[in-house]
Amino acid sequence: GCVETVISGPALERYYEGLTSQKLSLEEIVEKSTQNEKAALLTLDRLYRYFGQAISNVINILDPDLIVLGGGVSNIIDLPRSGLEYARKWVFTDSLQTRIVSNTLGDSAGVYGAAMLVK
């Protein structure tokens, strides 16, 4: 299925709510994970696991040197490292060289790109 239905911010918020009956934002869930709250940790593990599976498909097909993440979920500091650890289970090589980084422009990267096209 579509990756966004599983690892987008709203999907993760719904997953957490299903575990706890609490409606929290993704930022609040991430904060609770720093306090070792079990449902928050399970929610982030779900993100890392499904992200790892999805990104391993990209790596297996395209073999990129670098993947730059964008969007709200990419603001989760541990996503590149933890996601890549899960991806190692599904890539076809034992020497995974692809780097995964979060963009440096934040959620406004698309706006900057559109502005550059107008010039």
C-alpha atoms as a PDB file:
ATOM      1  CA  GLY A   1       0.000   0.000   0.000  1.00  0.00           C
ATOM      2  CA  CYS A   2       0.853   3.662  -0.011  1.00  0.00           C
ATOM      3  CA  VAL A   3       3.593   4.542   2.457  1.00  0.00           C
ATOM      4  CA  GLU A   4       1.824   7.727   3.507  1.00  0.00           C
ATOM      5  CA  THR A   5      -1.088   5.741   4.943  1.00  0.00           C
ATOM      6  CA  VAL A   6       1.324   4.178   7.445  1.00  0.00           C
ATOM      7  CA  ILE A   7       4.118   6.644   8.246  1.00  0.00           C
ATOM      8  CA  SER A   8       2.710  10.126   7.711  1.00  0.00           C
ATOM      9  CA  GLY A   9       2.185  12.368  10.727  1.00  0.00           C
ATOM     10  CA  PRO A  10      -1.599  11.848  10.776  1.00  0.00           C
ATOM     11  CA  ALA A  11      -1.201   8.068  10.345  1.00  0.00           C
ATOM     12  CA  LEU A  12       1.210   7.883  13.279  1.00  0.00           C
ATOM     13  CA  GLU A  13      -1.095  10.054  15.396  1.00  0.00           C
ATOM     14  CA  ARG A  14      -4.005   7.690  14.629  1.00  0.00           C
ATOM     15  CA  TYR A  15      -1.852   4.672  15.486  1.00  0.00           C
ATOM     16  CA  TYR A  16      -0.894   6.212  18.837  1.00  0.00           C
ATOM     17  CA  GLU A  17      -4.516   7.110  19.523  1.00  0.00           C
ATOM     18  CA  GLY A  18      -5.492   3.492  18.797  1.00  0.00           C
ATOM     19  CA  LEU A  19      -3.003   2.324  21.414  1.00  0.00           C
ATOM     20  CA  THR A  20      -3.863   4.863  24.103  1.00  0.00           C
ATOM     21  CA  SER A  21      -7.223   6.499  23.271  1.00  0.00           C
ATOM     22  CA  GLN A  22      -5.323   9.814  23.542  1.00  0.00           C
ATOM     23  CA  LYS A  23      -5.275  12.231  20.615  1.00  0.00           C
ATOM     24  CA  LEU A  24      -1.792  13.790  20.521  1.00  0.00           C
ATOM     25  CA  SER A  25       0.215  15.579  17.860  1.00  0.00           C
ATOM     26  CA  LEU A  26       3.270  13.869  16.431  1.00  0.00           C
ATOM     27  CA  GLU A  27       5.463  16.375  18.283  1.00  0.00           C
ATOM     28  CA  GLU A  28       3.811  15.365  21.557  1.00  0.00           C
ATOM     29  CA  ILE A  29       4.268  11.681  20.750  1.00  0.00           C
ATOM     30  CA  VAL A  30       7.964  12.249  20.058  1.00  0.00           C
ATOM     31  CA  GLU A  31       8.252  14.127  23.372  1.00  0.00           C
ATOM     32  CA  LYS A  32       6.588  11.224  25.208  1.00  0.00           C
ATOM     33  CA  SER A  33       9.051   8.831  23.581  1.00  0.00           C
ATOM     34  CA  THR A  34      11.902  10.757  25.225  1.00  0.00           C
ATOM     35  CA  GLN A  35      10.205   9.896  28.528  1.00  0.00           C
ATOM     36  CA  ASN A  36      10.168   6.201  27.508  1.00  0.00           C
ATOM     37  CA  GLU A  37       6.375   6.076  27.281  1.00  0.00           C
ATOM     38  CA  LYS A  38       5.623   2.638  25.802  1.00  0.00           C
ATOM     39  CA  ALA A  39       2.948   3.610  23.250  1.00  0.00           C
ATOM     40  CA  ALA A  40       5.092   6.486  21.973  1.00  0.00           C
ATOM     41  CA  LEU A  41       8.082   4.166  21.599  1.00  0.00           C
ATOM     42  CA  LEU A  42       5.918   1.637  19.732  1.00  0.00           C
ATOM     43  CA  THR A  43       4.638   4.391  17.451  1.00  0.00           C
ATOM     44  CA  LEU A  44       8.135   5.578  16.571  1.00  0.00           C
ATOM     45  CA  ASP A  45       9.344   2.018  16.102  1.00  0.00           C
ATOM     46  CA  ARG A  46       6.495   1.533  13.628  1.00  0.00           C
ATOM     47  CA  LEU A  47       7.686   4.640  11.779  1.00  0.00           C
ATOM     48  CA  TYR A  48      11.304   3.455  11.669  1.00  0.00           C
ATOM     49  CA  ARG A  49      10.348  -0.073  10.585  1.00  0.00           C
ATOM     50  CA  TYR A  50       8.011   0.928   7.747  1.00  0.00           C
ATOM     51  CA  PHE A  51      10.292   3.772   6.689  1.00  0.00           C
ATOM     52  CA  GLY A  52      13.174   1.285   6.560  1.00  0.00           C
ATOM     53  CA  GLN A  53      11.157  -1.059   4.356  1.00  0.00           C
ATOM     54  CA  ALA A  54      10.084   1.749   2.033  1.00  0.00           C
ATOM     55  CA  ILE A  55      13.512   3.350   1.747  1.00  0.00           C
ATOM     56  CA  SER A  56      15.133  -0.050   1.133  1.00  0.00           C
ATOM     57  CA  ASN A  57      12.996  -0.348  -2.016  1.00  0.00           C
ATOM     58  CA  VAL A  58      14.331   2.997  -3.224  1.00  0.00           C
ATOM     59  CA  ILE A  59      17.891   1.928  -2.422  1.00  0.00           C
ATOM     60  CA  ASN A  60      17.498  -1.464  -4.118  1.00  0.00           C
ATOM     61  CA  ILE A  61      16.047   0.057  -7.301  1.00  0.00           C
ATOM     62  CA  LEU A  62      18.010   3.314  -7.660  1.00  0.00           C
ATOM     63  CA  ASP A  63      21.142   2.776  -5.524  1.00  0.00           C
ATOM     64  CA  PRO A  64      21.421   6.492  -4.630  1.00  0.00           C
ATOM     65  CA  ASP A  65      24.452   7.906  -2.836  1.00  0.00           C
ATOM     66  CA  LEU A  66      22.256  10.248  -0.792  1.00  0.00           C
ATOM     67  CA  ILE A  67      18.578  10.517   0.134  1.00  0.00           C
ATOM     68  CA  VAL A  68      17.339  13.867   1.456  1.00  0.00           C
ATOM     69  CA  LEU A  69      14.182  13.672   3.569  1.00  0.00           C
ATOM     70  CA  GLY A  70      11.546  16.386   3.673  1.00  0.00           C
ATOM     71  CA  GLY A  71       8.148  16.907   5.243  1.00  0.00           C
ATOM     72  CA  GLY A  72       6.957  16.984   8.818  1.00  0.00           C
ATOM     73  CA  VAL A  73       7.956  13.435   9.741  1.00  0.00           C
ATOM     74  CA  SER A  74      11.520  14.152   8.571  1.00  0.00           C
ATOM     75  CA  ASN A  75      11.831  16.543  11.520  1.00  0.00           C
ATOM     76  CA  ILE A  76      12.091  13.528  13.835  1.00  0.00           C
ATOM     77  CA  ILE A  77      15.782  13.686  14.664  1.00  0.00           C
ATOM     78  CA  ASP A  78      16.377   9.939  14.857  1.00  0.00           C
ATOM     79  CA  LEU A  79      14.585   9.017  11.603  1.00  0.00           C
ATOM     80  CA  PRO A  80      17.630   8.891   9.278  1.00  0.00           C
ATOM     81  CA  ARG A  81      19.697   6.720  11.630  1.00  0.00           C
ATOM     82  CA  SER A  82      16.954   4.410  12.895  1.00  0.00           C
ATOM     83  CA  GLY A  83      15.299   4.136   9.496  1.00  0.00           C
ATOM     84  CA  LEU A  84      18.593   3.187   7.884  1.00  0.00           C
ATOM     85  CA  GLU A  85      19.200   0.533  10.535  1.00  0.00           C
ATOM     86  CA  TYR A  86      15.889  -1.090   9.603  1.00  0.00           C
ATOM     87  CA  ALA A  87      16.623  -0.655   5.877  1.00  0.00           C
ATOM     88  CA  ARG A  88      19.782  -2.750   6.275  1.00  0.00           C
ATOM     89  CA  LYS A  89      17.532  -5.786   6.802  1.00  0.00           C
ATOM     90  CA  TRP A  90      15.951  -5.414   3.356  1.00  0.00           C
ATOM     91  CA  VAL A  91      18.655  -4.066   1.035  1.00  0.00           C
ATOM     92  CA  PHE A  92      20.416  -6.428  -1.342  1.00  0.00           C
ATOM     93  CA  THR A  93      23.933  -5.530  -0.246  1.00  0.00           C
ATOM     94  CA  ASP A  94      25.954  -6.136   2.873  1.00  0.00           C
ATOM     95  CA  SER A  95      27.809  -2.838   2.417  1.00  0.00           C
ATOM     96  CA  LEU A  96      25.062  -0.219   2.429  1.00  0.00           C
ATOM     97  CA  GLN A  97      26.657   3.108   1.475  1.00  0.00           C
ATOM     98  CA  THR A  98      23.553   5.282   0.963  1.00  0.00           C
ATOM     99  CA  ARG A  99      23.390   8.226   3.361  1.00  0.00           C
ATOM    100  CA  ILE A 100      20.034   9.518   4.584  1.00  0.00           C
ATOM    101  CA  VAL A 101      19.828  13.105   5.824  1.00  0.00           C
ATOM    102  CA  SER A 102      17.072  15.555   6.722  1.00  0.00           C
ATOM    103  CA  ASN A 103      16.845  18.659   4.591  1.00  0.00           C
ATOM    104  CA  THR A 104      18.372  21.833   5.992  1.00  0.00           C
ATOM    105  CA  LEU A 105      15.567  24.121   4.807  1.00  0.00           C
ATOM    106  CA  GLY A 106      12.893  22.571   6.999  1.00  0.00           C
ATOM    107  CA  ASP A 107       9.275  22.410   5.914  1.00  0.00           C
ATOM    108  CA  SER A 108       9.761  25.417   3.613  1.00  0.00           C
ATOM    109  CA  ALA A 109      12.015  23.633   1.102  1.00  0.00           C
ATOM    110  CA  GLY A 110       9.197  23.356  -1.454  1.00  0.00           C
ATOM    111  CA  VAL A 111       8.448  27.060  -1.171  1.00  0.00           C
ATOM    112  CA  TYR A 112      12.110  27.928  -1.768  1.00  0.00           C
ATOM    113  CA  GLY A 113      12.214  25.635  -4.786  1.00  0.00           C
ATOM    114  CA  ALA A 114       9.084  27.185  -6.261  1.00  0.00           C
ATOM    115  CA  ALA A 115      10.497  30.673  -5.708  1.00  0.00           C
ATOM    116  CA  MET A 116      13.695  29.697  -7.524  1.00  0.00           C
ATOM    117  CA  LEU A 117      11.655  28.514 -10.522  1.00  0.00           C
ATOM    118  CA  VAL A 118       9.947  31.910 -10.784  1.00  0.00           C
ATOM    119  CA  LYS A 119      13.253  33.771 -11.140  1.00  0.00           C
END
